[in-house]
Amino acid sequence: MDRRRFLELSVGALGAAGIVSCGRRGGDEALGPVLSEEVAFAFDNAGNRYEMDFNDYEVRRVAPDGAIVWSQGNVSNPALFNYPTSMEIDADGTIYVADRGNGEVERLSPAGLPLGTFATELESAEDISLDRASKELYVSGGIEHTVRVYSAAGLALRRIGEFGTAGAGLNGPRGVALSPSRELHVVDSGNARVQVYGLDGSYRRSYGDTGAEELRLRMPRDIVFDSAGRPLISDPVAMRLARYSSSGALVEHVELKDDQGRIGVPLYLAIAPTDRLYATVIFA
């Protein structure tokens, strides 16, 4: 049995509705998306789905009926990707892939053709977030304990944060996301919190690390925002999702269970334009 399954959840009713569908490669299409063992997701504004396959080092675009529109990496270009983890798609269709293993960002055309790399000074490009207004890209470097900002052409512009535990410090940053109010939220995994910065890099506040011990984040991994502007954070060590209000107050914790009642370990998150969440989840 596959250890990794992929859950499609209703963001609007996580606590009540739980799992809407659960599928795996070779499974019944009626169960939901049929995916490879290790896949992260991304969506463009038109709702097209993209998948990053960790096992095969492949990125692909998938049609609504599940057909592969194009794929890149693995057979077509084996040296292109090494553990791709995050993706952003600009309004013109340009694709940016954070390649964790190669420590760089790969730029692809709308048809999936390689257009070059940047952020090669990073040892590990963990996550990427695109500001579609300014065309700037925010890339977290977990080993470097910082977030670097690039132009759409790959020019390094500035860096946000540095190693530390107090104030604006970062320790192994992972997920990054821009809020609807145009603030940068950085999952500060090693410090078990989320750091919030202005887009100029000014530190503003943190959340997830206060209150009763059992309510705090333990080692968060990824972050997305729903259409109401609420952050949703995966916490693999705590084996749950944590949803916060737009001001950073804890709203709820949610465990992800499969059809056997096993609690999953959530990793990577993506939200489709329909406000549905896709999560990469491990089941022991």
C-alpha atoms as a PDB file:
ATOM      1  CA  MET A   1       0.000   0.000   0.000  1.00  0.00           C
ATOM      2  CA  ASP A   2       1.252   3.504  -0.803  1.00  0.00           C
ATOM      3  CA  ARG A   3       2.535   5.425   2.199  1.00  0.00           C
ATOM      4  CA  ARG A   4       1.656   8.763   0.685  1.00  0.00           C
ATOM      5  CA  ARG A   5      -1.815   9.808  -0.291  1.00  0.00           C
ATOM      6  CA  PHE A   6      -3.261  13.046  -1.399  1.00  0.00           C
ATOM      7  CA  LEU A   7      -6.282  14.586   0.105  1.00  0.00           C
ATOM      8  CA  GLU A   8      -8.668  17.070  -1.391  1.00  0.00           C
ATOM      9  CA  LEU A   9     -10.340  19.055   1.355  1.00  0.00           C
ATOM     10  CA  SER A  10     -13.019  21.684   1.606  1.00  0.00           C
ATOM     11  CA  VAL A  11     -11.247  24.700   3.077  1.00  0.00           C
ATOM     12  CA  GLY A  12     -14.528  26.238   4.130  1.00  0.00           C
ATOM     13  CA  ALA A  13     -15.406  23.315   6.406  1.00  0.00           C
ATOM     14  CA  LEU A  14     -12.189  21.613   7.390  1.00  0.00           C
ATOM     15  CA  GLY A  15     -13.263  20.796  10.912  1.00  0.00           C
ATOM     16  CA  ALA A  16     -16.677  19.436   9.997  1.00  0.00           C
ATOM     17  CA  ALA A  17     -16.327  17.925   6.539  1.00  0.00           C
ATOM     18  CA  GLY A  18     -12.914  16.314   6.907  1.00  0.00           C
ATOM     19  CA  ILE A  19     -11.772  14.353   3.889  1.00  0.00           C
ATOM     20  CA  VAL A  20     -13.743  14.886   0.724  1.00  0.00           C
ATOM     21  CA  SER A  21     -11.727  12.474  -1.390  1.00  0.00           C
ATOM     22  CA  CYS A  22      -8.608  10.354  -1.227  1.00  0.00           C
ATOM     23  CA  GLY A  23      -6.848   8.764  -4.168  1.00  0.00           C
ATOM     24  CA  ARG A  24      -3.585   7.263  -5.333  1.00  0.00           C
ATOM     25  CA  ARG A  25      -1.989   6.260  -8.613  1.00  0.00           C
ATOM     26  CA  GLY A  26      -3.951   3.432 -10.142  1.00  0.00           C
ATOM     27  CA  GLY A  27      -6.960   4.043  -7.911  1.00  0.00           C
ATOM     28  CA  ASP A  28     -10.551   4.725  -8.809  1.00  0.00           C
ATOM     29  CA  GLU A  29     -11.034   8.133 -10.459  1.00  0.00           C
ATOM     30  CA  ALA A  30     -14.198   8.571  -8.391  1.00  0.00           C
ATOM     31  CA  LEU A  31     -12.066   8.789  -5.250  1.00  0.00           C
ATOM     32  CA  GLY A  32     -10.555  12.086  -6.403  1.00  0.00           C
ATOM     33  CA  PRO A  33      -7.217  13.035  -7.942  1.00  0.00           C
ATOM     34  CA  VAL A  34      -5.068  10.101  -9.017  1.00  0.00           C
ATOM     35  CA  LEU A  35      -1.492  11.095  -8.164  1.00  0.00           C
ATOM     36  CA  SER A  36       1.967   9.655  -7.762  1.00  0.00           C
ATOM     37  CA  GLU A  37       3.338   8.688  -4.372  1.00  0.00           C
ATOM     38  CA  GLU A  38       5.127  11.958  -3.737  1.00  0.00           C
ATOM     39  CA  VAL A  39       3.532  15.009  -5.348  1.00  0.00           C
ATOM     40  CA  ALA A  40       3.163  18.677  -4.468  1.00  0.00           C
ATOM     41  CA  PHE A  41       0.617  20.861  -6.228  1.00  0.00           C
ATOM     42  CA  ALA A  42       0.190  24.291  -7.784  1.00  0.00           C
ATOM     43  CA  PHE A  43      -2.602  26.043  -9.654  1.00  0.00           C
ATOM     44  CA  ASP A  44      -2.709  28.967 -12.046  1.00  0.00           C
ATOM     45  CA  ASN A  45      -5.477  31.569 -12.011  1.00  0.00           C
ATOM     46  CA  ALA A  46      -7.428  29.618 -14.625  1.00  0.00           C
ATOM     47  CA  GLY A  47      -7.541  26.587 -12.327  1.00  0.00           C
ATOM     48  CA  ASN A  48      -5.076  24.446 -14.277  1.00  0.00           C
ATOM     49  CA  ARG A  49      -3.322  21.963 -12.007  1.00  0.00           C
ATOM     50  CA  TYR A  50       0.415  21.372 -11.937  1.00  0.00           C
ATOM     51  CA  GLU A  51       2.219  18.575 -10.127  1.00  0.00           C
ATOM     52  CA  MET A  52       5.772  18.246  -8.830  1.00  0.00           C
ATOM     53  CA  ASP A  53       6.764  14.608  -8.578  1.00  0.00           C
ATOM     54  CA  PHE A  54       9.503  14.026  -5.995  1.00  0.00           C
ATOM     55  CA  ASN A  55      10.167  10.392  -6.920  1.00  0.00           C
ATOM     56  CA  ASP A  56      10.561  10.995 -10.636  1.00  0.00           C
ATOM     57  CA  TYR A  57      12.003  14.552 -10.428  1.00  0.00           C
ATOM     58  CA  GLU A  58       9.325  15.665 -12.843  1.00  0.00           C
ATOM     59  CA  VAL A  59       7.002  18.653 -13.229  1.00  0.00           C
ATOM     60  CA  ARG A  60       3.818  18.340 -15.247  1.00  0.00           C
ATOM     61  CA  ARG A  61       0.634  20.127 -16.150  1.00  0.00           C
ATOM     62  CA  VAL A  62      -2.529  18.065 -15.754  1.00  0.00           C
ATOM     63  CA  ALA A  63      -5.820  18.597 -17.575  1.00  0.00           C
ATOM     64  CA  PRO A  64      -9.148  18.562 -15.652  1.00  0.00           C
ATOM     65  CA  ASP A  65      -9.774  14.994 -16.856  1.00  0.00           C
ATOM     66  CA  GLY A  66      -6.423  13.865 -15.438  1.00  0.00           C
ATOM     67  CA  ALA A  67      -4.581  13.724 -18.758  1.00  0.00           C
ATOM     68  CA  ILE A  68      -0.997  15.000 -18.748  1.00  0.00           C
ATOM     69  CA  VAL A  69      -0.751  18.071 -20.986  1.00  0.00           C
ATOM     70  CA  TRP A  70       3.044  18.188 -20.767  1.00  0.00           C
ATOM     71  CA  SER A  71       5.800  16.970 -18.504  1.00  0.00           C
ATOM     72  CA  GLN A  72       9.349  18.148 -17.999  1.00  0.00           C
ATOM     73  CA  GLY A  73      12.261  16.432 -16.291  1.00  0.00           C
ATOM     74  CA  ASN A  74      12.883  12.732 -15.683  1.00  0.00           C
ATOM     75  CA  VAL A  75      12.864  11.202 -19.195  1.00  0.00           C
ATOM     76  CA  SER A  76      12.742  14.448 -21.184  1.00  0.00           C
ATOM     77  CA  ASN A  77      15.506  16.224 -19.267  1.00  0.00           C
ATOM     78  CA  PRO A  78      16.839  14.094 -16.365  1.00  0.00           C
ATOM     79  CA  ALA A  79      19.244  16.729 -15.037  1.00  0.00           C
ATOM     80  CA  LEU A  80      16.634  19.498 -14.876  1.00  0.00           C
ATOM     81  CA  PHE A  81      15.066  18.857 -11.461  1.00  0.00           C
ATOM     82  CA  ASN A  82      16.254  17.393  -8.181  1.00  0.00           C
ATOM     83  CA  TYR A  83      13.394  17.344  -5.675  1.00  0.00           C
ATOM     84  CA  PRO A  84      11.147  20.159  -6.924  1.00  0.00           C
ATOM     85  CA  THR A  85       8.988  21.357  -4.022  1.00  0.00           C
ATOM     86  CA  SER A  86       7.121  24.536  -4.929  1.00  0.00           C
ATOM     87  CA  MET A  87       5.832  26.343  -7.997  1.00  0.00           C
ATOM     88  CA  GLU A  88       4.308  29.686  -9.007  1.00  0.00           C
ATOM     89  CA  ILE A  89       2.657  30.547 -12.310  1.00  0.00           C
ATOM     90  CA  ASP A  90       2.559  34.147 -13.515  1.00  0.00           C
ATOM     91  CA  ALA A  91      -0.374  35.677 -15.384  1.00  0.00           C
ATOM     92  CA  ASP A  92       1.489  35.283 -18.698  1.00  0.00           C
ATOM     93  CA  GLY A  93       1.937  31.555 -18.058  1.00  0.00           C
ATOM     94  CA  THR A  94       5.605  31.675 -17.072  1.00  0.00           C
ATOM     95  CA  ILE A  95       6.342  28.994 -14.483  1.00  0.00           C
ATOM     96  CA  TYR A  96       8.822  29.248 -11.619  1.00  0.00           C
ATOM     97  CA  VAL A  97       9.843  26.044  -9.826  1.00  0.00           C
ATOM     98  CA  ALA A  98      11.771  25.998  -6.535  1.00  0.00           C
ATOM     99  CA  ASP A  99      14.150  23.057  -6.863  1.00  0.00           C
ATOM    100  CA  ARG A 100      15.141  22.099  -3.351  1.00  0.00           C
ATOM    101  CA  GLY A 101      17.799  19.549  -4.295  1.00  0.00           C
ATOM    102  CA  ASN A 102      19.582  21.694  -6.872  1.00  0.00           C
ATOM    103  CA  GLY A 103      19.283  24.840  -4.767  1.00  0.00           C
ATOM    104  CA  GLU A 104      17.870  27.025  -7.540  1.00  0.00           C
ATOM    105  CA  VAL A 105      14.741  28.276  -9.267  1.00  0.00           C
ATOM    106  CA  GLU A 106      13.985  26.927 -12.734  1.00  0.00           C
ATOM    107  CA  ARG A 107      11.947  29.080 -15.103  1.00  0.00           C
ATOM    108  CA  LEU A 108       9.710  27.324 -17.660  1.00  0.00           C
ATOM    109  CA  SER A 109       7.608  28.560 -20.558  1.00  0.00           C
ATOM    110  CA  PRO A 110       3.817  27.986 -20.535  1.00  0.00           C
ATOM    111  CA  ALA A 111       4.523  24.885 -22.616  1.00  0.00           C
ATOM    112  CA  GLY A 112       6.972  23.593 -20.012  1.00  0.00           C
ATOM    113  CA  LEU A 113      10.175  24.389 -21.905  1.00  0.00           C
ATOM    114  CA  PRO A 114      13.235  25.391 -19.788  1.00  0.00           C
ATOM    115  CA  LEU A 115      14.053  29.103 -19.902  1.00  0.00           C
ATOM    116  CA  GLY A 116      16.986  29.183 -17.482  1.00  0.00           C
ATOM    117  CA  THR A 117      17.752  29.147 -13.767  1.00  0.00           C
ATOM    118  CA  PHE A 118      18.418  31.676 -11.013  1.00  0.00           C
ATOM    119  CA  ALA A 119      18.814  31.774  -7.218  1.00  0.00           C
ATOM    120  CA  THR A 120      21.740  29.398  -7.697  1.00  0.00           C
ATOM    121  CA  GLU A 121      23.479  30.872  -4.640  1.00  0.00           C
ATOM    122  CA  LEU A 122      20.973  29.038  -2.437  1.00  0.00           C
ATOM    123  CA  GLU A 123      21.930  25.604  -1.166  1.00  0.00           C
ATOM    124  CA  SER A 124      18.276  24.686  -0.738  1.00  0.00           C
ATOM    125  CA  ALA A 125      15.405  26.542  -2.396  1.00  0.00           C
ATOM    126  CA  GLU A 126      12.559  25.463  -0.112  1.00  0.00           C
ATOM    127  CA  ASP A 127       9.544  27.450  -1.286  1.00  0.00           C
ATOM    128  CA  ILE A 128       8.587  30.274  -3.636  1.00  0.00           C
ATOM    129  CA  SER A 129       5.889  32.947  -3.657  1.00  0.00           C
ATOM    130  CA  LEU A 130       5.138  35.359  -6.498  1.00  0.00           C
ATOM    131  CA  ASP A 131       3.945  38.922  -6.027  1.00  0.00           C
ATOM    132  CA  ARG A 132       1.944  39.329  -9.234  1.00  0.00           C
ATOM    133  CA  ALA A 133       1.679  43.083  -8.755  1.00  0.00           C
ATOM    134  CA  SER A 134       5.416  43.802  -8.576  1.00  0.00           C
ATOM    135  CA  LYS A 135       6.542  40.647 -10.425  1.00  0.00           C
ATOM    136  CA  GLU A 136       8.917  39.896  -7.558  1.00  0.00           C
ATOM    137  CA  LEU A 137       9.604  36.375  -6.321  1.00  0.00           C
ATOM    138  CA  TYR A 138      10.266  35.436  -2.697  1.00  0.00           C
ATOM    139  CA  VAL A 139      12.369  32.301  -2.257  1.00  0.00           C
ATOM    140  CA  SER A 140      13.111  30.738   1.134  1.00  0.00           C
ATOM    141  CA  GLY A 141      16.578  29.345   1.712  1.00  0.00           C
ATOM    142  CA  GLY A 142      16.344  26.943   4.626  1.00  0.00           C
ATOM    143  CA  ILE A 143      20.073  26.359   5.024  1.00  0.00           C
ATOM    144  CA  GLU A 144      20.810  30.074   4.614  1.00  0.00           C
ATOM    145  CA  HIS A 145      18.121  31.038   7.170  1.00  0.00           C
ATOM    146  CA  THR A 146      16.839  33.797   4.921  1.00  0.00           C
ATOM    147  CA  VAL A 147      14.347  34.716   2.205  1.00  0.00           C
ATOM    148  CA  ARG A 148      15.780  36.167  -0.986  1.00  0.00           C
ATOM    149  CA  VAL A 149      13.829  38.401  -3.338  1.00  0.00           C
ATOM    150  CA  TYR A 150      14.311  38.273  -7.119  1.00  0.00           C
ATOM    151  CA  SER A 151      12.914  40.003 -10.160  1.00  0.00           C
ATOM    152  CA  ALA A 152      10.974  37.912 -12.677  1.00  0.00           C
ATOM    153  CA  ALA A 153      14.144  37.894 -14.783  1.00  0.00           C
ATOM    154  CA  GLY A 154      16.090  36.342 -11.903  1.00  0.00           C
ATOM    155  CA  LEU A 155      17.959  39.432 -10.684  1.00  0.00           C
ATOM    156  CA  ALA A 156      18.712  39.333  -6.934  1.00  0.00           C
ATOM    157  CA  LEU A 157      17.072  42.357  -5.292  1.00  0.00           C
ATOM    158  CA  ARG A 158      17.277  41.991  -1.514  1.00  0.00           C
ATOM    159  CA  ARG A 159      17.158  39.520   1.364  1.00  0.00           C
ATOM    160  CA  ILE A 160      14.784  39.276   4.297  1.00  0.00           C
ATOM    161  CA  GLY A 161      15.745  37.915   7.705  1.00  0.00           C
ATOM    162  CA  GLU A 162      18.861  36.198   8.990  1.00  0.00           C
ATOM    163  CA  PHE A 163      19.663  33.460  11.473  1.00  0.00           C
ATOM    164  CA  GLY A 164      18.288  34.138  14.941  1.00  0.00           C
ATOM    165  CA  THR A 165      15.636  33.232  17.494  1.00  0.00           C
ATOM    166  CA  ALA A 166      14.449  36.660  18.619  1.00  0.00           C
ATOM    167  CA  GLY A 167      12.625  39.394  16.731  1.00  0.00           C
ATOM    168  CA  ALA A 168      13.107  39.168  12.976  1.00  0.00           C
ATOM    169  CA  GLY A 169      15.347  36.076  13.184  1.00  0.00           C
ATOM    170  CA  LEU A 170      14.809  32.928  11.140  1.00  0.00           C
ATOM    171  CA  ASN A 171      15.880  29.339  11.716  1.00  0.00           C
ATOM    172  CA  GLY A 172      15.348  27.052   8.752  1.00  0.00           C
ATOM    173  CA  PRO A 173      12.548  28.922   6.943  1.00  0.00           C
ATOM    174  CA  ARG A 174      10.308  26.757   4.782  1.00  0.00           C
ATOM    175  CA  GLY A 175       6.951  27.898   3.385  1.00  0.00           C
ATOM    176  CA  VAL A 176       6.456  31.481   2.196  1.00  0.00           C
ATOM    177  CA  ALA A 177       3.216  33.171   1.133  1.00  0.00           C
ATOM    178  CA  LEU A 178       1.917  36.670   0.501  1.00  0.00           C
ATOM    179  CA  SER A 179      -1.258  37.540   2.368  1.00  0.00           C
ATOM    180  CA  PRO A 180      -4.148  39.424   0.733  1.00  0.00           C
ATOM    181  CA  SER A 181      -3.022  42.453   2.779  1.00  0.00           C
ATOM    182  CA  ARG A 182       0.376  42.200   1.051  1.00  0.00           C
ATOM    183  CA  GLU A 183       2.510  41.017   3.922  1.00  0.00           C
ATOM    184  CA  LEU A 184       5.041  38.224   3.644  1.00  0.00           C
ATOM    185  CA  HIS A 185       4.398  35.253   5.952  1.00  0.00           C
ATOM    186  CA  VAL A 186       7.394  32.966   6.457  1.00  0.00           C
ATOM    187  CA  VAL A 187       7.152  29.565   8.127  1.00  0.00           C
ATOM    188  CA  ASP A 188      10.035  29.743  10.609  1.00  0.00           C
ATOM    189  CA  SER A 189      10.271  25.998  11.099  1.00  0.00           C
ATOM    190  CA  GLY A 190      13.224  25.825  13.497  1.00  0.00           C
ATOM    191  CA  ASN A 191      11.685  28.464  15.755  1.00  0.00           C
ATOM    192  CA  ALA A 192       8.206  26.880  15.556  1.00  0.00           C
ATOM    193  CA  ARG A 193       6.368  30.019  14.463  1.00  0.00           C
ATOM    194  CA  VAL A 194       5.362  32.151  11.499  1.00  0.00           C
ATOM    195  CA  GLN A 195       7.215  35.419  10.912  1.00  0.00           C
ATOM    196  CA  VAL A 196       5.456  38.332   9.223  1.00  0.00           C
ATOM    197  CA  TYR A 197       7.383  40.976   7.273  1.00  0.00           C
ATOM    198  CA  GLY A 198       6.581  43.952   5.124  1.00  0.00           C
ATOM    199  CA  LEU A 199       7.524  43.478   1.493  1.00  0.00           C
ATOM    200  CA  ASP A 200      10.508  45.741   2.114  1.00  0.00           C
ATOM    201  CA  GLY A 201      11.785  43.232   4.674  1.00  0.00           C
ATOM    202  CA  SER A 202      10.751  45.121   7.804  1.00  0.00           C
ATOM    203  CA  TYR A 203       9.776  42.785  10.647  1.00  0.00           C
ATOM    204  CA  ARG A 204       6.201  43.189  11.896  1.00  0.00           C
ATOM    205  CA  ARG A 205       5.121  40.327  14.157  1.00  0.00           C
ATOM    206  CA  SER A 206       5.007  36.579  14.674  1.00  0.00           C
ATOM    207  CA  TYR A 207       2.297  34.067  15.545  1.00  0.00           C
ATOM    208  CA  GLY A 208       1.878  30.393  16.348  1.00  0.00           C
ATOM    209  CA  ASP A 209       4.395  30.396  19.210  1.00  0.00           C
ATOM    210  CA  THR A 210       2.301  31.737  22.083  1.00  0.00           C
ATOM    211  CA  GLY A 211      -0.431  30.382  24.343  1.00  0.00           C
ATOM    212  CA  ALA A 212      -0.713  26.933  25.875  1.00  0.00           C
ATOM    213  CA  GLU A 213       2.004  24.493  24.795  1.00  0.00           C
ATOM    214  CA  GLU A 214      -0.445  22.052  23.219  1.00  0.00           C
ATOM    215  CA  LEU A 215      -1.851  24.816  20.996  1.00  0.00           C
ATOM    216  CA  ARG A 216       1.453  26.053  19.617  1.00  0.00           C
ATOM    217  CA  LEU A 217       3.109  25.117  16.365  1.00  0.00           C
ATOM    218  CA  ARG A 218       5.768  22.449  16.803  1.00  0.00           C
ATOM    219  CA  MET A 219       7.682  22.279  13.508  1.00  0.00           C
ATOM    220  CA  PRO A 220       5.561  23.891  10.773  1.00  0.00           C
ATOM    221  CA  ARG A 221       6.272  23.222   7.117  1.00  0.00           C
ATOM    222  CA  ASP A 222       4.033  25.035   4.621  1.00  0.00           C
ATOM    223  CA  ILE A 223       1.497  27.862   4.466  1.00  0.00           C
ATOM    224  CA  VAL A 224      -1.346  28.932   2.167  1.00  0.00           C
ATOM    225  CA  PHE A 225      -4.130  31.502   2.402  1.00  0.00           C
ATOM    226  CA  ASP A 226      -7.784  30.809   1.740  1.00  0.00           C
ATOM    227  CA  SER A 227     -10.060  33.297  -0.018  1.00  0.00           C
ATOM    228  CA  ALA A 228     -10.963  34.879   3.330  1.00  0.00           C
ATOM    229  CA  GLY A 229      -7.320  35.732   3.977  1.00  0.00           C
ATOM    230  CA  ARG A 230      -6.831  33.119   6.701  1.00  0.00           C
ATOM    231  CA  PRO A 231      -3.494  31.277   6.844  1.00  0.00           C
ATOM    232  CA  LEU A 232      -3.508  27.500   6.954  1.00  0.00           C
ATOM    233  CA  ILE A 233      -0.268  25.853   8.088  1.00  0.00           C
ATOM    234  CA  SER A 234       0.926  22.261   7.935  1.00  0.00           C
ATOM    235  CA  ASP A 235       2.612  21.010  11.101  1.00  0.00           C
ATOM    236  CA  PRO A 236       4.119  17.559  10.431  1.00  0.00           C
ATOM    237  CA  VAL A 237       5.476  16.942  13.937  1.00  0.00           C
ATOM    238  CA  ALA A 238       2.096  17.779  15.511  1.00  0.00           C
ATOM    239  CA  MET A 239       0.407  15.743  12.720  1.00  0.00           C
ATOM    240  CA  ARG A 240      -2.232  18.389  12.015  1.00  0.00           C
ATOM    241  CA  LEU A 241      -3.124  21.558  10.175  1.00  0.00           C
ATOM    242  CA  ALA A 242      -3.435  24.821  12.079  1.00  0.00           C
ATOM    243  CA  ARG A 243      -5.742  27.536  10.788  1.00  0.00           C
ATOM    244  CA  TYR A 244      -5.413  31.116  12.039  1.00  0.00           C
ATOM    245  CA  SER A 245      -7.433  34.273  11.623  1.00  0.00           C
ATOM    246  CA  SER A 246      -6.056  37.016   9.412  1.00  0.00           C
ATOM    247  CA  SER A 247      -4.714  38.670  12.579  1.00  0.00           C
ATOM    248  CA  GLY A 248      -2.833  35.524  13.663  1.00  0.00           C
ATOM    249  CA  ALA A 249      -5.234  34.148  16.300  1.00  0.00           C
ATOM    250  CA  LEU A 250      -5.612  30.365  16.329  1.00  0.00           C
ATOM    251  CA  VAL A 251      -8.981  29.283  14.916  1.00  0.00           C
ATOM    252  CA  GLU A 252      -8.678  25.502  14.916  1.00  0.00           C
ATOM    253  CA  HIS A 253      -6.497  22.426  14.590  1.00  0.00           C
ATOM    254  CA  VAL A 254      -7.439  19.737  12.098  1.00  0.00           C
ATOM    255  CA  GLU A 255      -6.215  16.147  11.875  1.00  0.00           C
ATOM    256  CA  LEU A 256      -6.223  14.525   8.432  1.00  0.00           C
ATOM    257  CA  LYS A 257      -7.415  10.925   8.547  1.00  0.00           C
ATOM    258  CA  ASP A 258      -7.673   8.315   5.824  1.00  0.00           C
ATOM    259  CA  ASP A 259     -10.514   5.838   5.368  1.00  0.00           C
ATOM    260  CA  GLN A 260      -8.920   3.568   7.980  1.00  0.00           C
ATOM    261  CA  GLY A 261      -8.878   6.308  10.584  1.00  0.00           C
ATOM    262  CA  ARG A 262      -5.105   6.765  10.498  1.00  0.00           C
ATOM    263  CA  ILE A 263      -3.857  10.279  11.205  1.00  0.00           C
ATOM    264  CA  GLY A 264      -1.682  11.671   8.435  1.00  0.00           C
ATOM    265  CA  VAL A 265       1.425  13.822   8.496  1.00  0.00           C
ATOM    266  CA  PRO A 266       0.726  16.917   6.332  1.00  0.00           C
ATOM    267  CA  LEU A 267       3.560  18.389   4.283  1.00  0.00           C
ATOM    268  CA  TYR A 268       2.937  20.556   1.226  1.00  0.00           C
ATOM    269  CA  LEU A 269      -0.223  22.591   0.625  1.00  0.00           C
ATOM    270  CA  ALA A 270      -1.842  24.314  -2.340  1.00  0.00           C
ATOM    271  CA  ILE A 271      -5.210  25.983  -2.828  1.00  0.00           C
ATOM    272  CA  ALA A 272      -7.062  25.932  -6.120  1.00  0.00           C
ATOM    273  CA  PRO A 273      -9.001  29.011  -7.315  1.00  0.00           C
ATOM    274  CA  THR A 274     -12.159  27.200  -6.181  1.00  0.00           C
ATOM    275  CA  ASP A 275     -10.875  27.542  -2.589  1.00  0.00           C
ATOM    276  CA  ARG A 276     -10.165  23.843  -2.280  1.00  0.00           C
ATOM    277  CA  LEU A 277      -7.016  22.659  -0.569  1.00  0.00           C
ATOM    278  CA  TYR A 278      -4.673  20.000  -1.905  1.00  0.00           C
ATOM    279  CA  ALA A 279      -2.289  18.478   0.634  1.00  0.00           C
ATOM    280  CA  THR A 280       0.578  16.017   0.419  1.00  0.00           C
ATOM    281  CA  VAL A 281       0.132  13.693   3.382  1.00  0.00           C
ATOM    282  CA  ILE A 282       2.087  10.720   4.785  1.00  0.00           C
ATOM    283  CA  PHE A 283       0.280   7.811   6.452  1.00  0.00           C
ATOM    284  CA  ALA A 284       2.362   5.446   8.596  1.00  0.00           C
END
